[in-house]
Amino acid sequence: MLRREAARWFARLESGRDPDIDRKFRRWQDADPAHAEAFQRVQKSYGQAGLLRQSPAFSDRSLTGPSRPVSSSPRYAWAAAAALVIAIPAAWLAFGHGLFVRGTDAMMLATGVGEIKHIGLSDGSKLTLDTATSVEVEIGQARRRALLKRGRARLEVASGREPFVLETGSATVTTSGSVVDIQRAGDSSRVDVLSGNAIVQASNSMEAAGVALRGGQSVAARTGEGLVQQSGAPPTDWVRGMLQFDRTPLDAAVAQANGYSKEKILLSGDFADLHVSGAFRAGDTARLAKALAVTFDLSLGRSTDGNWTLSRVNRRPQSAGG
């Protein structure tokens, strides 16, 4: 029982949801020397990435070779080794407003800037995390659930007795046997059903009924508002570390590329008439900056902090091919 209590404190500290968690934890820890000993045992057990990688709850496969994005910062050292996974299947853990029961896999997953992670879940589903993404996952007999806290993720949902519920804060997706991309930025989110079918409901909206989507359909949502259907094919190659542009405004393309690298591309001037088309390797900021400079006849400079700057030489509207 004491070990389970220590495991609960460990999960609460890792979640970072309670601003007073440190004060509450220290009060519990100081109440009895046995508390501190139990917590140290739990911390040592779950702090070893080797143990986590051998857990049946997940398998972790990173991008390798030339397609591997840049390494993460020290803050994400654990994430690089084990996708920041904490699997505590035999403990009672807080998750949102509910509780895990025995036999449930509880996972907190995160990637750093430039990382893309592929993770196999215990129900047979496959989860891919994009750069700077955070997801909480619960897999059990009673329900399957994932909460996207930030970033983008793709879930290949295995068929099961219980549907898989995906939450983004502004939308809830219920599905099974499908492939779904979900994105979240603040109070806005987007859902792309790549194959299969799904029901999407707007969170905290006057619209109670959900919208049925099939493969190739997409919706966007904002907290407190309804769903808005999206047109155009969503990007699908990001799971392989590729950025796809189809007459994308230059500033939007650069903003997307900057999300995969610590080295940024900075724009100096008005580039509203320039659009980019093609595919580029995520994280290869230098090559993209040089390609844009050559294609659009722009001046390319580099600052001492490693960032690249593009500025106008001649105004020549056109499209770039990757």
C-alpha atoms as a PDB file:
ATOM      1  CA  MET A   1       0.000   0.000   0.000  1.00  0.00           C
ATOM      2  CA  LEU A   2       2.842   2.402   0.810  1.00  0.00           C
ATOM      3  CA  ARG A   3       4.488   1.691  -2.540  1.00  0.00           C
ATOM      4  CA  ARG A   4       1.205   2.422  -4.326  1.00  0.00           C
ATOM      5  CA  GLU A   5       0.887   5.686  -2.427  1.00  0.00           C
ATOM      6  CA  ALA A   6       4.458   6.608  -3.404  1.00  0.00           C
ATOM      7  CA  ALA A   7       3.662   5.732  -7.038  1.00  0.00           C
ATOM      8  CA  ARG A   8       0.684   8.122  -6.919  1.00  0.00           C
ATOM      9  CA  TRP A   9       2.934  10.950  -5.707  1.00  0.00           C
ATOM     10  CA  PHE A  10       5.471  10.107  -8.408  1.00  0.00           C
ATOM     11  CA  ALA A  11       2.847  10.373 -11.153  1.00  0.00           C
ATOM     12  CA  ARG A  12       1.452  13.635  -9.735  1.00  0.00           C
ATOM     13  CA  LEU A  13       4.921  15.182  -9.622  1.00  0.00           C
ATOM     14  CA  GLU A  14       5.591  14.155 -13.232  1.00  0.00           C
ATOM     15  CA  SER A  15       2.242  15.481 -14.493  1.00  0.00           C
ATOM     16  CA  GLY A  16       2.922  19.013 -13.219  1.00  0.00           C
ATOM     17  CA  ARG A  17      -0.816  19.755 -13.067  1.00  0.00           C
ATOM     18  CA  ASP A  18      -0.923  20.938  -9.448  1.00  0.00           C
ATOM     19  CA  PRO A  19       1.025  24.174  -8.795  1.00  0.00           C
ATOM     20  CA  ASP A  20       1.270  23.284  -5.088  1.00  0.00           C
ATOM     21  CA  ILE A  21       2.357  19.703  -5.676  1.00  0.00           C
ATOM     22  CA  ASP A  22       5.920  20.208  -4.369  1.00  0.00           C
ATOM     23  CA  ARG A  23       4.692  21.615  -1.056  1.00  0.00           C
ATOM     24  CA  LYS A  24       2.103  18.839  -0.625  1.00  0.00           C
ATOM     25  CA  PHE A  25       4.621  16.147  -1.548  1.00  0.00           C
ATOM     26  CA  ARG A  26       7.251  17.366   0.912  1.00  0.00           C
ATOM     27  CA  ARG A  27       4.666  17.430   3.690  1.00  0.00           C
ATOM     28  CA  TRP A  28       3.773  13.816   2.949  1.00  0.00           C
ATOM     29  CA  GLN A  29       7.426  12.795   2.623  1.00  0.00           C
ATOM     30  CA  ASP A  30       8.459  14.421   5.909  1.00  0.00           C
ATOM     31  CA  ALA A  31       5.591  12.845   7.830  1.00  0.00           C
ATOM     32  CA  ASP A  32       7.329   9.469   8.037  1.00  0.00           C
ATOM     33  CA  PRO A  33      10.857   8.260   7.047  1.00  0.00           C
ATOM     34  CA  ALA A  34       9.189   5.221   5.462  1.00  0.00           C
ATOM     35  CA  HIS A  35       7.482   7.566   2.981  1.00  0.00           C
ATOM     36  CA  ALA A  36      10.805   8.890   1.716  1.00  0.00           C
ATOM     37  CA  GLU A  37      12.231   5.361   1.409  1.00  0.00           C
ATOM     38  CA  ALA A  38       9.201   4.135  -0.548  1.00  0.00           C
ATOM     39  CA  PHE A  39       9.346   7.104  -2.899  1.00  0.00           C
ATOM     40  CA  GLN A  40      13.061   6.573  -3.557  1.00  0.00           C
ATOM     41  CA  ARG A  41      12.386   2.949  -4.482  1.00  0.00           C
ATOM     42  CA  VAL A  42       9.612   3.975  -6.908  1.00  0.00           C
ATOM     43  CA  GLN A  43      11.726   6.769  -8.378  1.00  0.00           C
ATOM     44  CA  LYS A  44      14.667   4.438  -8.928  1.00  0.00           C
ATOM     45  CA  SER A  45      12.469   1.751 -10.467  1.00  0.00           C
ATOM     46  CA  TYR A  46      10.690   3.977 -12.978  1.00  0.00           C
ATOM     47  CA  GLY A  47      13.627   6.282 -13.599  1.00  0.00           C
ATOM     48  CA  GLN A  48      15.566   3.585 -15.414  1.00  0.00           C
ATOM     49  CA  ALA A  49      14.889   3.911 -19.136  1.00  0.00           C
ATOM     50  CA  GLY A  50      16.149   0.367 -19.718  1.00  0.00           C
ATOM     51  CA  LEU A  51      13.339  -1.054 -17.595  1.00  0.00           C
ATOM     52  CA  LEU A  52      10.798   1.114 -19.386  1.00  0.00           C
ATOM     53  CA  ARG A  53      11.944   0.022 -22.811  1.00  0.00           C
ATOM     54  CA  GLN A  54      11.394  -3.622 -21.817  1.00  0.00           C
ATOM     55  CA  SER A  55       7.882  -2.982 -20.523  1.00  0.00           C
ATOM     56  CA  PRO A  56       5.110  -4.802 -22.447  1.00  0.00           C
ATOM     57  CA  ALA A  57       3.109  -1.575 -22.314  1.00  0.00           C
ATOM     58  CA  PHE A  58       4.961  -0.106 -25.267  1.00  0.00           C
ATOM     59  CA  SER A  59       7.748  -0.423 -27.816  1.00  0.00           C
ATOM     60  CA  ASP A  60       9.717   2.644 -28.921  1.00  0.00           C
ATOM     61  CA  ARG A  61      11.134   3.034 -32.431  1.00  0.00           C
ATOM     62  CA  SER A  62      12.831   6.293 -33.348  1.00  0.00           C
ATOM     63  CA  LEU A  63      13.630   7.626 -36.794  1.00  0.00           C
ATOM     64  CA  THR A  64      17.109   6.520 -37.797  1.00  0.00           C
ATOM     65  CA  GLY A  65      19.629   7.333 -40.492  1.00  0.00           C
ATOM     66  CA  PRO A  66      19.494  10.536 -42.546  1.00  0.00           C
ATOM     67  CA  SER A  67      15.802  11.105 -41.766  1.00  0.00           C
ATOM     68  CA  ARG A  68      16.417  11.463 -38.013  1.00  0.00           C
ATOM     69  CA  PRO A  69      15.643  14.984 -36.751  1.00  0.00           C
ATOM     70  CA  VAL A  70      18.056  17.004 -34.634  1.00  0.00           C
ATOM     71  CA  SER A  71      18.687  15.926 -31.046  1.00  0.00           C
ATOM     72  CA  SER A  72      16.691  17.361 -28.200  1.00  0.00           C
ATOM     73  CA  SER A  73      17.736  19.619 -25.330  1.00  0.00           C
ATOM     74  CA  PRO A  74      18.900  18.162 -21.968  1.00  0.00           C
ATOM     75  CA  ARG A  75      15.397  18.685 -20.625  1.00  0.00           C
ATOM     76  CA  TYR A  76      14.219  15.953 -23.019  1.00  0.00           C
ATOM     77  CA  ALA A  77      17.089  13.533 -22.400  1.00  0.00           C
ATOM     78  CA  TRP A  78      14.688  11.026 -20.855  1.00  0.00           C
ATOM     79  CA  ALA A  79      12.215  11.568 -23.667  1.00  0.00           C
ATOM     80  CA  ALA A  80      14.907  10.737 -26.236  1.00  0.00           C
ATOM     81  CA  ALA A  81      15.594   7.438 -24.484  1.00  0.00           C
ATOM     82  CA  ALA A  82      12.049   6.360 -23.699  1.00  0.00           C
ATOM     83  CA  ALA A  83       9.652   9.013 -25.044  1.00  0.00           C
ATOM     84  CA  LEU A  84       9.167  10.163 -21.456  1.00  0.00           C
ATOM     85  CA  VAL A  85       7.039   7.115 -20.673  1.00  0.00           C
ATOM     86  CA  ILE A  86       5.916   6.197 -17.191  1.00  0.00           C
ATOM     87  CA  ALA A  87       4.091   2.854 -17.161  1.00  0.00           C
ATOM     88  CA  ILE A  88       2.548   1.876 -13.806  1.00  0.00           C
ATOM     89  CA  PRO A  89       0.035  -0.866 -14.634  1.00  0.00           C
ATOM     90  CA  ALA A  90      -0.525  -2.117 -11.060  1.00  0.00           C
ATOM     91  CA  ALA A  91      -1.034   1.201  -9.281  1.00  0.00           C
ATOM     92  CA  TRP A  92      -3.956   3.544  -8.700  1.00  0.00           C
ATOM     93  CA  LEU A  93      -3.036   6.790 -10.455  1.00  0.00           C
ATOM     94  CA  ALA A  94      -4.841  10.087 -10.983  1.00  0.00           C
ATOM     95  CA  PHE A  95      -5.690  10.805 -14.639  1.00  0.00           C
ATOM     96  CA  GLY A  96      -7.822  13.828 -15.352  1.00  0.00           C
ATOM     97  CA  HIS A  97     -10.870  13.457 -13.142  1.00  0.00           C
ATOM     98  CA  GLY A  98     -10.790   9.667 -13.002  1.00  0.00           C
ATOM     99  CA  LEU A  99      -8.638   6.931 -11.517  1.00  0.00           C
ATOM    100  CA  PHE A 100      -6.699   4.090 -13.075  1.00  0.00           C
ATOM    101  CA  VAL A 101      -7.600   0.612 -11.949  1.00  0.00           C
ATOM    102  CA  ARG A 102      -5.433  -2.446 -11.680  1.00  0.00           C
ATOM    103  CA  GLY A 103      -4.394  -3.765 -15.085  1.00  0.00           C
ATOM    104  CA  THR A 104      -4.404  -0.368 -16.780  1.00  0.00           C
ATOM    105  CA  ASP A 105      -1.346   1.010 -18.599  1.00  0.00           C
ATOM    106  CA  ALA A 106      -0.766   4.682 -17.781  1.00  0.00           C
ATOM    107  CA  MET A 107       1.673   6.567 -19.989  1.00  0.00           C
ATOM    108  CA  MET A 108       2.847  10.145 -20.267  1.00  0.00           C
ATOM    109  CA  LEU A 109       4.604  10.679 -23.616  1.00  0.00           C
ATOM    110  CA  ALA A 110       6.577  13.684 -24.855  1.00  0.00           C
ATOM    111  CA  THR A 111       9.024  14.666 -27.589  1.00  0.00           C
ATOM    112  CA  GLY A 112      11.477  17.541 -27.789  1.00  0.00           C
ATOM    113  CA  VAL A 113      12.069  19.939 -30.663  1.00  0.00           C
ATOM    114  CA  GLY A 114      13.011  17.980 -33.782  1.00  0.00           C
ATOM    115  CA  GLU A 115      12.006  14.567 -32.421  1.00  0.00           C
ATOM    116  CA  ILE A 116       9.497  12.197 -34.014  1.00  0.00           C
ATOM    117  CA  LYS A 117       8.653   9.085 -32.001  1.00  0.00           C
ATOM    118  CA  HIS A 118       6.830   5.867 -32.995  1.00  0.00           C
ATOM    119  CA  ILE A 119       5.288   3.973 -30.076  1.00  0.00           C
ATOM    120  CA  GLY A 120       3.365   0.692 -30.026  1.00  0.00           C
ATOM    121  CA  LEU A 121       0.597   0.606 -27.405  1.00  0.00           C
ATOM    122  CA  SER A 122      -0.434  -2.475 -25.449  1.00  0.00           C
ATOM    123  CA  ASP A 123      -3.810  -2.764 -27.242  1.00  0.00           C
ATOM    124  CA  GLY A 124      -2.093  -3.059 -30.629  1.00  0.00           C
ATOM    125  CA  SER A 125      -2.608   0.579 -31.615  1.00  0.00           C
ATOM    126  CA  LYS A 126       0.320   2.615 -32.942  1.00  0.00           C
ATOM    127  CA  LEU A 127       1.029   6.186 -31.868  1.00  0.00           C
ATOM    128  CA  THR A 128       3.383   8.642 -33.592  1.00  0.00           C
ATOM    129  CA  LEU A 129       4.365  11.894 -31.875  1.00  0.00           C
ATOM    130  CA  ASP A 130       5.491  14.922 -33.863  1.00  0.00           C
ATOM    131  CA  THR A 131       8.013  17.504 -32.709  1.00  0.00           C
ATOM    132  CA  ALA A 132       7.368  19.176 -29.313  1.00  0.00           C
ATOM    133  CA  THR A 133       4.316  17.020 -28.589  1.00  0.00           C
ATOM    134  CA  SER A 134       2.879  15.834 -25.271  1.00  0.00           C
ATOM    135  CA  VAL A 135       0.244  13.094 -24.891  1.00  0.00           C
ATOM    136  CA  GLU A 136      -1.238  11.225 -21.935  1.00  0.00           C
ATOM    137  CA  VAL A 137      -2.494   7.705 -22.685  1.00  0.00           C
ATOM    138  CA  GLU A 138      -4.645   5.251 -20.731  1.00  0.00           C
ATOM    139  CA  ILE A 139      -5.104   1.700 -22.033  1.00  0.00           C
ATOM    140  CA  GLY A 140      -7.281  -0.650 -19.977  1.00  0.00           C
ATOM    141  CA  GLN A 141     -10.068  -3.171 -20.174  1.00  0.00           C
ATOM    142  CA  ALA A 142     -12.741  -0.584 -19.434  1.00  0.00           C
ATOM    143  CA  ARG A 143     -11.621   2.166 -21.815  1.00  0.00           C
ATOM    144  CA  ARG A 144      -8.939   3.419 -24.179  1.00  0.00           C
ATOM    145  CA  ARG A 145      -8.158   7.111 -24.021  1.00  0.00           C
ATOM    146  CA  ALA A 146      -5.527   9.655 -25.074  1.00  0.00           C
ATOM    147  CA  LEU A 147      -5.264  13.347 -24.224  1.00  0.00           C
ATOM    148  CA  LEU A 148      -3.219  15.525 -26.591  1.00  0.00           C
ATOM    149  CA  LYS A 149      -1.844  18.361 -24.485  1.00  0.00           C
ATOM    150  CA  ARG A 150       0.141  20.045 -27.257  1.00  0.00           C
ATOM    151  CA  GLY A 151       1.592  19.349 -30.705  1.00  0.00           C
ATOM    152  CA  ARG A 152       0.505  16.743 -33.234  1.00  0.00           C
ATOM    153  CA  ALA A 153       0.040  12.985 -33.119  1.00  0.00           C
ATOM    154  CA  ARG A 154      -1.136  10.189 -35.380  1.00  0.00           C
ATOM    155  CA  LEU A 155      -2.991   7.217 -33.955  1.00  0.00           C
ATOM    156  CA  GLU A 156      -3.490   3.994 -35.876  1.00  0.00           C
ATOM    157  CA  VAL A 157      -6.306   2.567 -33.789  1.00  0.00           C
ATOM    158  CA  ALA A 158      -6.512  -1.183 -33.362  1.00  0.00           C
ATOM    159  CA  SER A 159     -10.009  -2.622 -33.402  1.00  0.00           C
ATOM    160  CA  GLY A 160     -11.239  -3.475 -29.934  1.00  0.00           C
ATOM    161  CA  ARG A 161     -14.269  -4.051 -27.774  1.00  0.00           C
ATOM    162  CA  GLU A 162     -14.052  -0.501 -26.446  1.00  0.00           C
ATOM    163  CA  PRO A 163     -13.721   2.535 -28.766  1.00  0.00           C
ATOM    164  CA  PHE A 164     -10.649   4.751 -28.535  1.00  0.00           C
ATOM    165  CA  VAL A 165     -11.384   8.276 -27.286  1.00  0.00           C
ATOM    166  CA  LEU A 166      -8.998  11.074 -28.310  1.00  0.00           C
ATOM    167  CA  GLU A 167      -9.234  14.455 -26.594  1.00  0.00           C
ATOM    168  CA  THR A 168      -7.601  17.718 -27.681  1.00  0.00           C
ATOM    169  CA  GLY A 169      -9.152  20.155 -25.226  1.00  0.00           C
ATOM    170  CA  SER A 170     -11.469  21.639 -27.848  1.00  0.00           C
ATOM    171  CA  ALA A 171     -12.618  18.402 -29.520  1.00  0.00           C
ATOM    172  CA  THR A 172     -13.289  14.771 -28.626  1.00  0.00           C
ATOM    173  CA  VAL A 173     -12.821  11.989 -31.192  1.00  0.00           C
ATOM    174  CA  THR A 174     -14.363   8.534 -30.768  1.00  0.00           C
ATOM    175  CA  THR A 175     -13.163   5.853 -33.163  1.00  0.00           C
ATOM    176  CA  SER A 176     -11.966   2.285 -33.692  1.00  0.00           C
ATOM    177  CA  GLY A 177     -10.007   0.611 -36.472  1.00  0.00           C
ATOM    178  CA  SER A 178      -9.064   3.927 -38.092  1.00  0.00           C
ATOM    179  CA  VAL A 179      -6.089   6.228 -38.665  1.00  0.00           C
ATOM    180  CA  VAL A 180      -6.463   9.744 -37.236  1.00  0.00           C
ATOM    181  CA  ASP A 181      -4.186  12.782 -37.092  1.00  0.00           C
ATOM    182  CA  ILE A 182      -4.869  15.261 -34.280  1.00  0.00           C
ATOM    183  CA  GLN A 183      -3.241  18.654 -33.733  1.00  0.00           C
ATOM    184  CA  ARG A 184      -3.488  21.095 -30.849  1.00  0.00           C
ATOM    185  CA  ALA A 185      -2.209  24.642 -30.442  1.00  0.00           C
ATOM    186  CA  GLY A 186      -3.614  26.420 -27.403  1.00  0.00           C
ATOM    187  CA  ASP A 187      -7.420  26.355 -27.515  1.00  0.00           C
ATOM    188  CA  SER A 188      -7.541  25.359 -31.200  1.00  0.00           C
ATOM    189  CA  SER A 189      -7.285  21.897 -32.687  1.00  0.00           C
ATOM    190  CA  ARG A 190      -7.697  19.997 -35.935  1.00  0.00           C
ATOM    191  CA  VAL A 191      -8.789  16.416 -36.608  1.00  0.00           C
ATOM    192  CA  ASP A 192      -7.931  14.615 -39.875  1.00  0.00           C
ATOM    193  CA  VAL A 193      -9.410  11.165 -40.452  1.00  0.00           C
ATOM    194  CA  LEU A 194      -7.009   9.480 -42.873  1.00  0.00           C
ATOM    195  CA  SER A 195      -8.865   6.149 -43.030  1.00  0.00           C
ATOM    196  CA  GLY A 196     -11.843   4.539 -41.365  1.00  0.00           C
ATOM    197  CA  ASN A 197     -14.546   6.480 -39.529  1.00  0.00           C
ATOM    198  CA  ALA A 198     -14.764   8.667 -36.446  1.00  0.00           C
ATOM    199  CA  ILE A 199     -17.238  10.764 -34.454  1.00  0.00           C
ATOM    200  CA  VAL A 200     -15.987  14.242 -33.510  1.00  0.00           C
ATOM    201  CA  GLN A 201     -17.624  16.427 -30.874  1.00  0.00           C
ATOM    202  CA  ALA A 202     -16.764  20.005 -29.995  1.00  0.00           C
ATOM    203  CA  SER A 203     -15.903  20.491 -26.324  1.00  0.00           C
ATOM    204  CA  ASN A 204     -17.666  23.210 -24.289  1.00  0.00           C
ATOM    205  CA  SER A 205     -19.905  24.098 -27.220  1.00  0.00           C
ATOM    206  CA  MET A 206     -23.663  24.517 -27.600  1.00  0.00           C
ATOM    207  CA  GLU A 207     -23.543  21.772 -30.246  1.00  0.00           C
ATOM    208  CA  ALA A 208     -24.258  18.538 -28.388  1.00  0.00           C
ATOM    209  CA  ALA A 209     -24.324  16.188 -31.376  1.00  0.00           C
ATOM    210  CA  GLY A 210     -21.118  14.917 -32.920  1.00  0.00           C
ATOM    211  CA  VAL A 211     -20.085  14.994 -36.575  1.00  0.00           C
ATOM    212  CA  ALA A 212     -19.406  11.717 -38.393  1.00  0.00           C
ATOM    213  CA  LEU A 213     -16.221  11.788 -40.460  1.00  0.00           C
ATOM    214  CA  ARG A 214     -14.844   9.223 -42.876  1.00  0.00           C
ATOM    215  CA  GLY A 215     -11.403   8.853 -44.419  1.00  0.00           C
ATOM    216  CA  GLY A 216     -10.244  12.040 -46.162  1.00  0.00           C
ATOM    217  CA  GLN A 217     -12.407  14.418 -44.096  1.00  0.00           C
ATOM    218  CA  SER A 218     -11.189  16.993 -41.564  1.00  0.00           C
ATOM    219  CA  VAL A 219     -12.586  19.446 -39.013  1.00  0.00           C
ATOM    220  CA  ALA A 220     -11.170  22.255 -36.900  1.00  0.00           C
ATOM    221  CA  ALA A 221     -12.373  23.277 -33.451  1.00  0.00           C
ATOM    222  CA  ARG A 222     -11.832  26.077 -30.977  1.00  0.00           C
ATOM    223  CA  THR A 223     -12.815  25.930 -27.307  1.00  0.00           C
ATOM    224  CA  GLY A 224     -16.357  27.236 -26.835  1.00  0.00           C
ATOM    225  CA  GLU A 225     -17.119  27.185 -30.560  1.00  0.00           C
ATOM    226  CA  GLY A 226     -18.469  24.582 -32.972  1.00  0.00           C
ATOM    227  CA  LEU A 227     -16.717  22.421 -35.538  1.00  0.00           C
ATOM    228  CA  VAL A 228     -15.652  23.836 -38.898  1.00  0.00           C
ATOM    229  CA  GLN A 229     -15.108  21.494 -41.824  1.00  0.00           C
ATOM    230  CA  GLN A 230     -11.696  21.805 -43.495  1.00  0.00           C
ATOM    231  CA  SER A 231     -10.943  21.386 -47.193  1.00  0.00           C
ATOM    232  CA  GLY A 232      -7.793  20.176 -48.886  1.00  0.00           C
ATOM    233  CA  ALA A 233      -5.716  17.088 -48.268  1.00  0.00           C
ATOM    234  CA  PRO A 234      -3.858  17.083 -44.932  1.00  0.00           C
ATOM    235  CA  PRO A 235      -0.081  16.462 -44.875  1.00  0.00           C
ATOM    236  CA  THR A 236       0.626  12.762 -44.384  1.00  0.00           C
ATOM    237  CA  ASP A 237       4.416  12.402 -44.644  1.00  0.00           C
ATOM    238  CA  TRP A 238       5.300  14.203 -41.414  1.00  0.00           C
ATOM    239  CA  VAL A 239       5.582  10.819 -39.679  1.00  0.00           C
ATOM    240  CA  ARG A 240       8.589  10.144 -41.942  1.00  0.00           C
ATOM    241  CA  GLY A 241      10.179  13.497 -41.115  1.00  0.00           C
ATOM    242  CA  MET A 242       9.057  15.241 -44.319  1.00  0.00           C
ATOM    243  CA  LEU A 243       7.465  18.679 -44.690  1.00  0.00           C
ATOM    244  CA  GLN A 244       4.963  18.968 -47.541  1.00  0.00           C
ATOM    245  CA  PHE A 245       3.993  22.299 -49.081  1.00  0.00           C
ATOM    246  CA  ASP A 246       1.484  23.008 -51.844  1.00  0.00           C
ATOM    247  CA  ARG A 247       1.590  26.699 -52.759  1.00  0.00           C
ATOM    248  CA  THR A 248       2.013  27.416 -49.062  1.00  0.00           C
ATOM    249  CA  PRO A 249       2.754  31.072 -48.193  1.00  0.00           C
ATOM    250  CA  LEU A 250       6.461  31.421 -47.541  1.00  0.00           C
ATOM    251  CA  ASP A 251       6.024  32.732 -44.003  1.00  0.00           C
ATOM    252  CA  ALA A 252       3.738  29.792 -43.108  1.00  0.00           C
ATOM    253  CA  ALA A 253       6.189  27.272 -44.592  1.00  0.00           C
ATOM    254  CA  VAL A 254       9.075  28.809 -42.669  1.00  0.00           C
ATOM    255  CA  ALA A 255       7.069  28.799 -39.427  1.00  0.00           C
ATOM    256  CA  GLN A 256       6.340  25.096 -39.859  1.00  0.00           C
ATOM    257  CA  ALA A 257       9.991  24.285 -40.630  1.00  0.00           C
ATOM    258  CA  ASN A 258      11.170  26.263 -37.594  1.00  0.00           C
ATOM    259  CA  GLY A 259       9.191  23.928 -35.339  1.00  0.00           C
ATOM    260  CA  TYR A 260      11.671  21.126 -36.088  1.00  0.00           C
ATOM    261  CA  SER A 261      14.944  22.914 -35.401  1.00  0.00           C
ATOM    262  CA  LYS A 262      16.696  25.066 -32.831  1.00  0.00           C
ATOM    263  CA  GLU A 263      18.187  26.976 -35.762  1.00  0.00           C
ATOM    264  CA  LYS A 264      15.456  29.226 -37.126  1.00  0.00           C
ATOM    265  CA  ILE A 265      14.832  30.895 -40.488  1.00  0.00           C
ATOM    266  CA  LEU A 266      14.019  34.578 -40.010  1.00  0.00           C
ATOM    267  CA  LEU A 267      12.276  36.669 -42.684  1.00  0.00           C
ATOM    268  CA  SER A 268      13.170  40.321 -43.160  1.00  0.00           C
ATOM    269  CA  GLY A 269      10.703  42.089 -45.452  1.00  0.00           C
ATOM    270  CA  ASP A 270       7.375  41.462 -47.165  1.00  0.00           C
ATOM    271  CA  PHE A 271       7.028  37.981 -48.667  1.00  0.00           C
ATOM    272  CA  ALA A 272       3.254  37.865 -49.190  1.00  0.00           C
ATOM    273  CA  ASP A 273       3.651  37.148 -52.931  1.00  0.00           C
ATOM    274  CA  LEU A 274       5.897  34.106 -52.460  1.00  0.00           C
ATOM    275  CA  HIS A 275       4.553  30.568 -52.165  1.00  0.00           C
ATOM    276  CA  VAL A 276       6.352  27.263 -51.644  1.00  0.00           C
ATOM    277  CA  SER A 277       5.562  23.866 -53.179  1.00  0.00           C
ATOM    278  CA  GLY A 278       7.387  20.603 -52.650  1.00  0.00           C
ATOM    279  CA  ALA A 279       8.748  18.292 -49.959  1.00  0.00           C
ATOM    280  CA  PHE A 280      11.623  19.089 -47.619  1.00  0.00           C
ATOM    281  CA  ARG A 281      13.407  17.179 -44.881  1.00  0.00           C
ATOM    282  CA  ALA A 282      12.282  18.322 -41.434  1.00  0.00           C
ATOM    283  CA  GLY A 283      15.114  19.682 -39.299  1.00  0.00           C
ATOM    284  CA  ASP A 284      17.430  20.482 -42.216  1.00  0.00           C
ATOM    285  CA  THR A 285      17.087  24.239 -41.771  1.00  0.00           C
ATOM    286  CA  ALA A 286      20.285  25.131 -43.595  1.00  0.00           C
ATOM    287  CA  ARG A 287      19.350  23.300 -46.786  1.00  0.00           C
ATOM    288  CA  LEU A 288      15.837  24.766 -46.827  1.00  0.00           C
ATOM    289  CA  ALA A 289      17.127  28.311 -46.249  1.00  0.00           C
ATOM    290  CA  LYS A 290      19.639  27.979 -49.081  1.00  0.00           C
ATOM    291  CA  ALA A 291      17.014  26.487 -51.435  1.00  0.00           C
ATOM    292  CA  LEU A 292      14.605  29.353 -50.728  1.00  0.00           C
ATOM    293  CA  ALA A 293      17.344  31.924 -51.268  1.00  0.00           C
ATOM    294  CA  VAL A 294      18.317  30.470 -54.643  1.00  0.00           C
ATOM    295  CA  THR A 295      14.750  29.916 -55.875  1.00  0.00           C
ATOM    296  CA  PHE A 296      13.416  33.341 -54.924  1.00  0.00           C
ATOM    297  CA  ASP A 297      16.647  35.299 -55.476  1.00  0.00           C
ATOM    298  CA  LEU A 298      16.836  36.300 -51.820  1.00  0.00           C
ATOM    299  CA  SER A 299      19.775  37.449 -49.751  1.00  0.00           C
ATOM    300  CA  LEU A 300      20.817  34.829 -47.189  1.00  0.00           C
ATOM    301  CA  GLY A 301      22.691  35.675 -44.016  1.00  0.00           C
ATOM    302  CA  ARG A 302      23.544  33.872 -40.803  1.00  0.00           C
ATOM    303  CA  SER A 303      23.734  35.325 -37.304  1.00  0.00           C
ATOM    304  CA  THR A 304      26.140  34.368 -34.545  1.00  0.00           C
ATOM    305  CA  ASP A 305      23.407  32.376 -32.770  1.00  0.00           C
ATOM    306  CA  GLY A 306      23.052  30.064 -35.783  1.00  0.00           C
ATOM    307  CA  ASN A 307      19.807  31.469 -37.228  1.00  0.00           C
ATOM    308  CA  TRP A 308      19.375  32.137 -40.946  1.00  0.00           C
ATOM    309  CA  THR A 309      17.943  35.402 -42.307  1.00  0.00           C
ATOM    310  CA  LEU A 310      16.250  35.823 -45.691  1.00  0.00           C
ATOM    311  CA  SER A 311      15.734  39.297 -47.147  1.00  0.00           C
ATOM    312  CA  ARG A 312      14.566  40.671 -50.488  1.00  0.00           C
ATOM    313  CA  VAL A 313      16.924  41.442 -53.339  1.00  0.00           C
ATOM    314  CA  ASN A 314      14.431  41.490 -56.200  1.00  0.00           C
ATOM    315  CA  ARG A 315      10.665  41.189 -56.060  1.00  0.00           C
ATOM    316  CA  ARG A 316       9.941  38.163 -58.200  1.00  0.00           C
ATOM    317  CA  PRO A 317       6.723  36.288 -57.358  1.00  0.00           C
ATOM    318  CA  GLN A 318       6.925  32.569 -58.109  1.00  0.00           C
ATOM    319  CA  SER A 319       6.651  29.142 -56.520  1.00  0.00           C
ATOM    320  CA  ALA A 320       9.429  26.991 -55.156  1.00  0.00           C
ATOM    321  CA  GLY A 321       9.681  23.288 -55.891  1.00  0.00           C
ATOM    322  CA  GLY A 322      11.243  20.901 -53.398  1.00  0.00           C
END
